[in-house]
């Protein structure tokens, strides 16, 4: 079973690349952002709560995110593996992911970090906000807040997987196809 954590700041291309890789490797794509947005759209209690944090560029609290991810993950008992997109975002979430997978007799195969500088991210997110209708991508101040939160709270998760020799950095700037080819080769080598 291959379990890939696709890591990087908002706008790095995690969702785009995940969509290309799931079919090829038979993996299930679990995106916390997609799960939160679905709950927001359906106006669930979780969705309303998540929206209050996301609209300010803040992370949704760990306990809610972990419970939601575990619930979603458990829906795919026959999966060949997973691409985790947007999870883990904190050290507590990284520990929880290891525990969830260990209980199923598996582990994280690799964390692949898509590395992109902040100015390119702001540009990408504003473009996405203009075409997707996502309010969290339409405001440059909110975007910069999200990037600051990422640097402060999420980027340190990289060291957790580096300590396990599972982190692989990848240049996230280039064509979608170039980045996908590099990701494909890396995943095949695992």
C-alpha atoms as a PDB file:
ATOM      1  CA  UNK A   1       0.000   0.000   0.000  1.00  0.00           C
ATOM      2  CA  UNK A   2       1.379   3.393  -0.990  1.00  0.00           C
ATOM      3  CA  UNK A   3       0.388   6.292   1.236  1.00  0.00           C
ATOM      4  CA  UNK A   4       1.662   9.595  -0.072  1.00  0.00           C
ATOM      5  CA  UNK A   5       1.451  12.904   1.765  1.00  0.00           C
ATOM      6  CA  UNK A   6       1.445  15.568  -0.948  1.00  0.00           C
ATOM      7  CA  UNK A   7       2.738  18.589   0.907  1.00  0.00           C
ATOM      8  CA  UNK A   8       3.090  22.261   0.156  1.00  0.00           C
ATOM      9  CA  UNK A   9       1.545  25.637   0.734  1.00  0.00           C
ATOM     10  CA  UNK A  10      -1.840  26.678  -0.633  1.00  0.00           C
ATOM     11  CA  UNK A  11      -1.551  27.041  -4.403  1.00  0.00           C
ATOM     12  CA  UNK A  12       1.462  24.741  -4.798  1.00  0.00           C
ATOM     13  CA  UNK A  13      -0.512  22.397  -7.061  1.00  0.00           C
ATOM     14  CA  UNK A  14      -1.372  19.560  -4.690  1.00  0.00           C
ATOM     15  CA  UNK A  15      -4.949  19.148  -5.921  1.00  0.00           C
ATOM     16  CA  UNK A  16      -4.007  19.429  -9.584  1.00  0.00           C
ATOM     17  CA  UNK A  17      -1.252  16.852  -9.262  1.00  0.00           C
ATOM     18  CA  UNK A  18      -3.329  14.521  -7.088  1.00  0.00           C
ATOM     19  CA  UNK A  19      -6.028  14.401  -9.758  1.00  0.00           C
ATOM     20  CA  UNK A  20      -3.444  13.234 -12.281  1.00  0.00           C
ATOM     21  CA  UNK A  21      -1.899  10.596 -10.027  1.00  0.00           C
ATOM     22  CA  UNK A  22      -4.880   8.848  -8.436  1.00  0.00           C
ATOM     23  CA  UNK A  23      -5.926   6.907 -11.517  1.00  0.00           C
ATOM     24  CA  UNK A  24      -2.441   5.933 -12.518  1.00  0.00           C
ATOM     25  CA  UNK A  25      -1.560   4.450  -9.135  1.00  0.00           C
ATOM     26  CA  UNK A  26      -5.054   3.411  -8.003  1.00  0.00           C
ATOM     27  CA  UNK A  27      -4.878   5.705  -4.979  1.00  0.00           C
ATOM     28  CA  UNK A  28      -7.706   7.487  -3.196  1.00  0.00           C
ATOM     29  CA  UNK A  29      -7.325  11.272  -2.997  1.00  0.00           C
ATOM     30  CA  UNK A  30      -8.201  12.630   0.446  1.00  0.00           C
ATOM     31  CA  UNK A  31      -8.187  16.414   0.410  1.00  0.00           C
ATOM     32  CA  UNK A  32      -9.129  18.090   3.670  1.00  0.00           C
ATOM     33  CA  UNK A  33      -9.871  21.268   1.733  1.00  0.00           C
ATOM     34  CA  UNK A  34     -12.351  19.449  -0.507  1.00  0.00           C
ATOM     35  CA  UNK A  35     -13.958  17.757   2.487  1.00  0.00           C
ATOM     36  CA  UNK A  36     -14.282  21.087   4.304  1.00  0.00           C
ATOM     37  CA  UNK A  37     -15.675  22.827   1.201  1.00  0.00           C
ATOM     38  CA  UNK A  38     -18.243  20.035   0.727  1.00  0.00           C
ATOM     39  CA  UNK A  39     -19.370  20.493   4.332  1.00  0.00           C
ATOM     40  CA  UNK A  40     -19.506  24.280   3.882  1.00  0.00           C
ATOM     41  CA  UNK A  41     -21.580  23.906   0.714  1.00  0.00           C
ATOM     42  CA  UNK A  42     -23.949  21.490   2.484  1.00  0.00           C
ATOM     43  CA  UNK A  43     -24.119  23.896   5.465  1.00  0.00           C
ATOM     44  CA  UNK A  44     -23.299  21.147   7.963  1.00  0.00           C
ATOM     45  CA  UNK A  45     -22.312  22.058  11.494  1.00  0.00           C
ATOM     46  CA  UNK A  46     -18.696  21.154  10.677  1.00  0.00           C
ATOM     47  CA  UNK A  47     -18.922  23.242   7.522  1.00  0.00           C
ATOM     48  CA  UNK A  48     -20.135  26.338   9.344  1.00  0.00           C
ATOM     49  CA  UNK A  49     -17.430  25.944  11.963  1.00  0.00           C
ATOM     50  CA  UNK A  50     -14.697  25.286   9.393  1.00  0.00           C
ATOM     51  CA  UNK A  51     -15.827  28.310   7.354  1.00  0.00           C
ATOM     52  CA  UNK A  52     -15.388  30.608  10.353  1.00  0.00           C
ATOM     53  CA  UNK A  53     -11.702  29.649  10.509  1.00  0.00           C
ATOM     54  CA  UNK A  54     -11.029  29.336   6.774  1.00  0.00           C
ATOM     55  CA  UNK A  55     -12.513  32.735   5.904  1.00  0.00           C
ATOM     56  CA  UNK A  56      -9.898  34.310   8.186  1.00  0.00           C
ATOM     57  CA  UNK A  57      -7.051  32.247   6.711  1.00  0.00           C
ATOM     58  CA  UNK A  58      -6.760  30.147   9.880  1.00  0.00           C
ATOM     59  CA  UNK A  59      -6.420  26.379  10.252  1.00  0.00           C
ATOM     60  CA  UNK A  60      -9.403  24.370  11.457  1.00  0.00           C
ATOM     61  CA  UNK A  61      -8.560  22.930  14.933  1.00  0.00           C
ATOM     62  CA  UNK A  62      -6.685  19.607  15.016  1.00  0.00           C
ATOM     63  CA  UNK A  63      -9.311  17.521  16.800  1.00  0.00           C
ATOM     64  CA  UNK A  64     -11.989  18.324  14.211  1.00  0.00           C
ATOM     65  CA  UNK A  65      -9.630  17.864  11.264  1.00  0.00           C
ATOM     66  CA  UNK A  66      -8.286  14.538  12.574  1.00  0.00           C
ATOM     67  CA  UNK A  67     -11.780  13.158  13.279  1.00  0.00           C
ATOM     68  CA  UNK A  68     -13.008  14.252   9.846  1.00  0.00           C
ATOM     69  CA  UNK A  69      -9.988  12.736   8.064  1.00  0.00           C
ATOM     70  CA  UNK A  70     -10.248   9.464   9.992  1.00  0.00           C
ATOM     71  CA  UNK A  71     -13.942   9.194   9.117  1.00  0.00           C
ATOM     72  CA  UNK A  72     -13.291   9.862   5.428  1.00  0.00           C
ATOM     73  CA  UNK A  73     -10.293   7.470   5.346  1.00  0.00           C
ATOM     74  CA  UNK A  74     -12.363   4.659   6.887  1.00  0.00           C
ATOM     75  CA  UNK A  75     -14.772   4.769   3.928  1.00  0.00           C
ATOM     76  CA  UNK A  76     -12.146   3.110   1.692  1.00  0.00           C
ATOM     77  CA  UNK A  77     -11.116  -0.164   3.381  1.00  0.00           C
ATOM     78  CA  UNK A  78     -10.112  -1.782   0.063  1.00  0.00           C
ATOM     79  CA  UNK A  79      -7.973   1.115  -1.220  1.00  0.00           C
ATOM     80  CA  UNK A  80      -4.550   0.385  -2.692  1.00  0.00           C
ATOM     81  CA  UNK A  81      -3.305   3.513  -0.952  1.00  0.00           C
ATOM     82  CA  UNK A  82      -3.956   7.193  -0.467  1.00  0.00           C
ATOM     83  CA  UNK A  83      -2.775  10.625  -1.470  1.00  0.00           C
ATOM     84  CA  UNK A  84      -3.232  12.887   1.538  1.00  0.00           C
ATOM     85  CA  UNK A  85      -3.629  16.485   0.344  1.00  0.00           C
ATOM     86  CA  UNK A  86      -3.785  19.159   3.030  1.00  0.00           C
ATOM     87  CA  UNK A  87      -3.182  16.670   5.820  1.00  0.00           C
ATOM     88  CA  UNK A  88      -1.251  16.611   8.053  1.00  0.00           C
ATOM     89  CA  UNK A  89      -0.920  20.338   8.662  1.00  0.00           C
ATOM     90  CA  UNK A  90       0.369  20.210  12.236  1.00  0.00           C
ATOM     91  CA  UNK A  91       2.642  17.947  14.268  1.00  0.00           C
ATOM     92  CA  UNK A  92      -0.405  16.599  16.142  1.00  0.00           C
ATOM     93  CA  UNK A  93      -2.008  15.673  12.808  1.00  0.00           C
ATOM     94  CA  UNK A  94       1.218  13.968  11.645  1.00  0.00           C
ATOM     95  CA  UNK A  95       1.270  11.844  14.797  1.00  0.00           C
ATOM     96  CA  UNK A  96      -2.436  11.042  14.363  1.00  0.00           C
ATOM     97  CA  UNK A  97      -1.888   9.985  10.743  1.00  0.00           C
ATOM     98  CA  UNK A  98       0.906   7.631  11.771  1.00  0.00           C
ATOM     99  CA  UNK A  99      -1.376   6.136  14.446  1.00  0.00           C
ATOM    100  CA  UNK A 100      -4.355   5.756  12.078  1.00  0.00           C
ATOM    101  CA  UNK A 101      -2.224   4.013   9.463  1.00  0.00           C
ATOM    102  CA  UNK A 102      -0.367   1.854  12.011  1.00  0.00           C
ATOM    103  CA  UNK A 103      -3.706   0.521  13.287  1.00  0.00           C
ATOM    104  CA  UNK A 104      -4.363  -0.636   9.719  1.00  0.00           C
ATOM    105  CA  UNK A 105      -0.904  -2.221   9.448  1.00  0.00           C
ATOM    106  CA  UNK A 106       0.532   0.362   7.081  1.00  0.00           C
ATOM    107  CA  UNK A 107       2.410   3.672   7.186  1.00  0.00           C
ATOM    108  CA  UNK A 108       3.218   6.825   5.248  1.00  0.00           C
ATOM    109  CA  UNK A 109       5.380   5.815   2.275  1.00  0.00           C
ATOM    110  CA  UNK A 110       6.624   9.343   1.583  1.00  0.00           C
ATOM    111  CA  UNK A 111       5.924  13.019   2.024  1.00  0.00           C
ATOM    112  CA  UNK A 112       6.470  14.818  -1.272  1.00  0.00           C
ATOM    113  CA  UNK A 113       6.772  18.570  -0.896  1.00  0.00           C
ATOM    114  CA  UNK A 114       5.885  20.831  -3.827  1.00  0.00           C
ATOM    115  CA  UNK A 115       8.163  23.814  -3.300  1.00  0.00           C
ATOM    116  CA  UNK A 116       6.969  27.184  -4.677  1.00  0.00           C
ATOM    117  CA  UNK A 117       7.923  30.736  -3.598  1.00  0.00           C
ATOM    118  CA  UNK A 118       5.331  33.000  -1.959  1.00  0.00           C
ATOM    119  CA  UNK A 119       4.931  35.518  -4.791  1.00  0.00           C
ATOM    120  CA  UNK A 120       4.171  32.749  -7.288  1.00  0.00           C
ATOM    121  CA  UNK A 121       1.666  31.293  -4.796  1.00  0.00           C
ATOM    122  CA  UNK A 122      -0.132  34.636  -4.367  1.00  0.00           C
ATOM    123  CA  UNK A 123      -0.344  34.998  -8.159  1.00  0.00           C
ATOM    124  CA  UNK A 124      -1.699  31.448  -8.585  1.00  0.00           C
ATOM    125  CA  UNK A 125      -4.243  31.787  -5.796  1.00  0.00           C
ATOM    126  CA  UNK A 126      -5.582  35.126  -7.039  1.00  0.00           C
ATOM    127  CA  UNK A 127      -5.974  33.589 -10.504  1.00  0.00           C
ATOM    128  CA  UNK A 128      -7.754  30.576  -9.005  1.00  0.00           C
ATOM    129  CA  UNK A 129      -9.977  32.872  -6.941  1.00  0.00           C
ATOM    130  CA  UNK A 130     -11.014  34.757 -10.064  1.00  0.00           C
ATOM    131  CA  UNK A 131     -12.106  31.573 -11.836  1.00  0.00           C
ATOM    132  CA  UNK A 132     -13.231  29.200  -9.074  1.00  0.00           C
ATOM    133  CA  UNK A 133     -15.428  31.378  -6.909  1.00  0.00           C
ATOM    134  CA  UNK A 134     -13.457  30.319  -3.836  1.00  0.00           C
ATOM    135  CA  UNK A 135     -13.649  33.256  -1.435  1.00  0.00           C
ATOM    136  CA  UNK A 136     -10.462  32.177   0.382  1.00  0.00           C
ATOM    137  CA  UNK A 137      -8.539  32.727  -2.890  1.00  0.00           C
ATOM    138  CA  UNK A 138     -10.080  36.074  -3.862  1.00  0.00           C
ATOM    139  CA  UNK A 139      -8.479  38.329  -1.247  1.00  0.00           C
ATOM    140  CA  UNK A 140      -4.721  38.931  -1.237  1.00  0.00           C
ATOM    141  CA  UNK A 141      -4.673  39.755   2.496  1.00  0.00           C
ATOM    142  CA  UNK A 142      -6.386  36.448   3.322  1.00  0.00           C
ATOM    143  CA  UNK A 143      -3.980  34.621   0.986  1.00  0.00           C
ATOM    144  CA  UNK A 144      -0.952  36.183   2.671  1.00  0.00           C
ATOM    145  CA  UNK A 145      -2.422  35.290   6.074  1.00  0.00           C
ATOM    146  CA  UNK A 146      -2.870  31.680   4.902  1.00  0.00           C
ATOM    147  CA  UNK A 147       0.757  31.594   3.729  1.00  0.00           C
ATOM    148  CA  UNK A 148       1.938  33.010   7.074  1.00  0.00           C
ATOM    149  CA  UNK A 149      -0.077  30.368   8.938  1.00  0.00           C
ATOM    150  CA  UNK A 150       1.393  27.712   6.649  1.00  0.00           C
ATOM    151  CA  UNK A 151       4.958  28.895   7.350  1.00  0.00           C
ATOM    152  CA  UNK A 152       4.384  29.090  11.073  1.00  0.00           C
ATOM    153  CA  UNK A 153       2.236  26.017  11.716  1.00  0.00           C
ATOM    154  CA  UNK A 154       2.431  23.638   8.760  1.00  0.00           C
ATOM    155  CA  UNK A 155       5.933  23.898   7.291  1.00  0.00           C
ATOM    156  CA  UNK A 156       7.456  22.420  10.501  1.00  0.00           C
ATOM    157  CA  UNK A 157       5.612  19.142   9.778  1.00  0.00           C
ATOM    158  CA  UNK A 158       8.232  18.607   7.065  1.00  0.00           C
ATOM    159  CA  UNK A 159      10.883  17.978   9.741  1.00  0.00           C
ATOM    160  CA  UNK A 160       8.707  15.239  11.270  1.00  0.00           C
ATOM    161  CA  UNK A 161       8.924  13.254   8.035  1.00  0.00           C
ATOM    162  CA  UNK A 162      12.543  14.253   7.374  1.00  0.00           C
ATOM    163  CA  UNK A 163      13.430  12.618  10.703  1.00  0.00           C
ATOM    164  CA  UNK A 164      11.885   9.402   9.314  1.00  0.00           C
ATOM    165  CA  UNK A 165      13.796   9.830   5.997  1.00  0.00           C
ATOM    166  CA  UNK A 166      10.436  10.094   4.198  1.00  0.00           C
ATOM    167  CA  UNK A 167      10.561  13.685   2.916  1.00  0.00           C
ATOM    168  CA  UNK A 168      11.260  14.386  -0.762  1.00  0.00           C
ATOM    169  CA  UNK A 169      11.241  17.980  -2.017  1.00  0.00           C
ATOM    170  CA  UNK A 170      10.192  18.694  -5.588  1.00  0.00           C
ATOM    171  CA  UNK A 171      10.234  21.964  -7.532  1.00  0.00           C
ATOM    172  CA  UNK A 172       6.573  22.930  -7.886  1.00  0.00           C
ATOM    173  CA  UNK A 173       7.230  25.493 -10.634  1.00  0.00           C
ATOM    174  CA  UNK A 174       6.937  24.323 -14.223  1.00  0.00           C
ATOM    175  CA  UNK A 175       4.244  22.930 -16.431  1.00  0.00           C
ATOM    176  CA  UNK A 176       1.659  20.641 -14.904  1.00  0.00           C
ATOM    177  CA  UNK A 177       2.996  17.833 -17.105  1.00  0.00           C
ATOM    178  CA  UNK A 178       6.654  18.361 -16.081  1.00  0.00           C
ATOM    179  CA  UNK A 179       5.794  18.292 -12.387  1.00  0.00           C
ATOM    180  CA  UNK A 180       3.530  15.257 -12.871  1.00  0.00           C
ATOM    181  CA  UNK A 181       6.340  13.363 -14.636  1.00  0.00           C
ATOM    182  CA  UNK A 182       8.702  14.034 -11.722  1.00  0.00           C
ATOM    183  CA  UNK A 183       6.057  12.996  -9.198  1.00  0.00           C
ATOM    184  CA  UNK A 184       5.281   9.842 -11.158  1.00  0.00           C
ATOM    185  CA  UNK A 185       8.943   8.823 -11.244  1.00  0.00           C
ATOM    186  CA  UNK A 186       9.358   9.482  -7.529  1.00  0.00           C
ATOM    187  CA  UNK A 187       6.257   7.488  -6.581  1.00  0.00           C
ATOM    188  CA  UNK A 188       7.311   4.589  -8.804  1.00  0.00           C
ATOM    189  CA  UNK A 189      10.657   4.494  -7.023  1.00  0.00           C
ATOM    190  CA  UNK A 190       9.060   4.007  -3.597  1.00  0.00           C
END
